[in-house]
Amino acid sequence: MFLLFLAENCAVLNFLRAFVLFPN
């Protein structure tokens, strides 16, 4: 559960990072 939680957080951070680095 905890590892899954960390994995989801990493995915969210990567998504936000991509959104910031490559805006529309």
N, C-alpha and C. Protein backbone atom coordinates (compact mmCIF):
# COMPACT_ATOMS: atom_id res chain seq x y z
N MET A 1 0.83 -1.20 0.00
CA MET A 1 0.00 0.00 0.00
C MET A 1 0.87 1.25 0.00
N PHE A 2 1.88 1.24 0.89
CA PHE A 2 2.72 2.42 1.00
C PHE A 2 3.51 2.65 -0.29
N LEU A 3 4.03 1.54 -0.87
CA LEU A 3 4.79 1.67 -2.11
C LEU A 3 3.88 2.15 -3.23
N LEU A 4 2.65 1.66 -3.24
CA LEU A 4 1.70 2.10 -4.26
C LEU A 4 1.42 3.59 -4.10
N PHE A 5 1.31 4.03 -2.84
CA PHE A 5 1.08 5.44 -2.56
C PHE A 5 2.24 6.28 -3.09
N LEU A 6 3.47 5.81 -2.86
CA LEU A 6 4.64 6.54 -3.35
C LEU A 6 4.67 6.56 -4.87
N ALA A 7 4.30 5.44 -5.49
CA ALA A 7 4.30 5.36 -6.95
C ALA A 7 3.29 6.35 -7.52
N GLU A 8 2.13 6.44 -6.89
CA GLU A 8 1.11 7.37 -7.37
C GLU A 8 1.58 8.80 -7.21
N ASN A 9 2.25 9.09 -6.08
CA ASN A 9 2.76 10.44 -5.87
C ASN A 9 3.80 10.79 -6.93
N CYS A 10 4.66 9.85 -7.27
CA CYS A 10 5.68 10.08 -8.29
C CYS A 10 5.02 10.35 -9.64
N ALA A 11 3.96 9.61 -9.94
CA ALA A 11 3.26 9.80 -11.21
C ALA A 11 2.64 11.19 -11.26
N VAL A 12 2.07 11.61 -10.14
CA VAL A 12 1.44 12.94 -10.09
C VAL A 12 2.51 14.02 -10.25
N LEU A 13 3.63 13.86 -9.56
CA LEU A 13 4.71 14.85 -9.66
C LEU A 13 5.25 14.92 -11.08
N ASN A 14 5.40 13.76 -11.73
CA ASN A 14 5.89 13.75 -13.10
C ASN A 14 4.90 14.44 -14.03
N PHE A 15 3.60 14.21 -13.80
CA PHE A 15 2.57 14.84 -14.61
C PHE A 15 2.62 16.36 -14.45
N LEU A 16 2.72 16.82 -13.21
CA LEU A 16 2.77 18.26 -12.96
C LEU A 16 4.05 18.85 -13.55
N ARG A 17 5.14 18.14 -13.43
CA ARG A 17 6.42 18.63 -13.97
C ARG A 17 6.33 18.76 -15.48
N ALA A 18 5.74 17.77 -16.14
CA ALA A 18 5.59 17.82 -17.60
C ALA A 18 4.68 18.98 -17.98
N PHE A 19 3.64 19.21 -17.19
CA PHE A 19 2.69 20.30 -17.48
C PHE A 19 3.39 21.65 -17.36
N VAL A 20 4.31 21.76 -16.40
CA VAL A 20 5.02 23.03 -16.18
C VAL A 20 6.10 23.23 -17.25
N LEU A 21 6.82 22.16 -17.58
CA LEU A 21 7.91 22.28 -18.55
C LEU A 21 7.39 22.41 -19.98
N PHE A 22 6.24 21.76 -20.26
CA PHE A 22 5.70 21.80 -21.61
C PHE A 22 4.25 22.29 -21.60
N PRO A 23 4.04 23.59 -21.37
CA PRO A 23 2.68 24.12 -21.33
C PRO A 23 2.07 24.18 -22.73
N ASN A 24 0.76 24.25 -22.77
CA ASN A 24 0.09 24.35 -24.06
C ASN A 24 0.24 25.77 -24.60
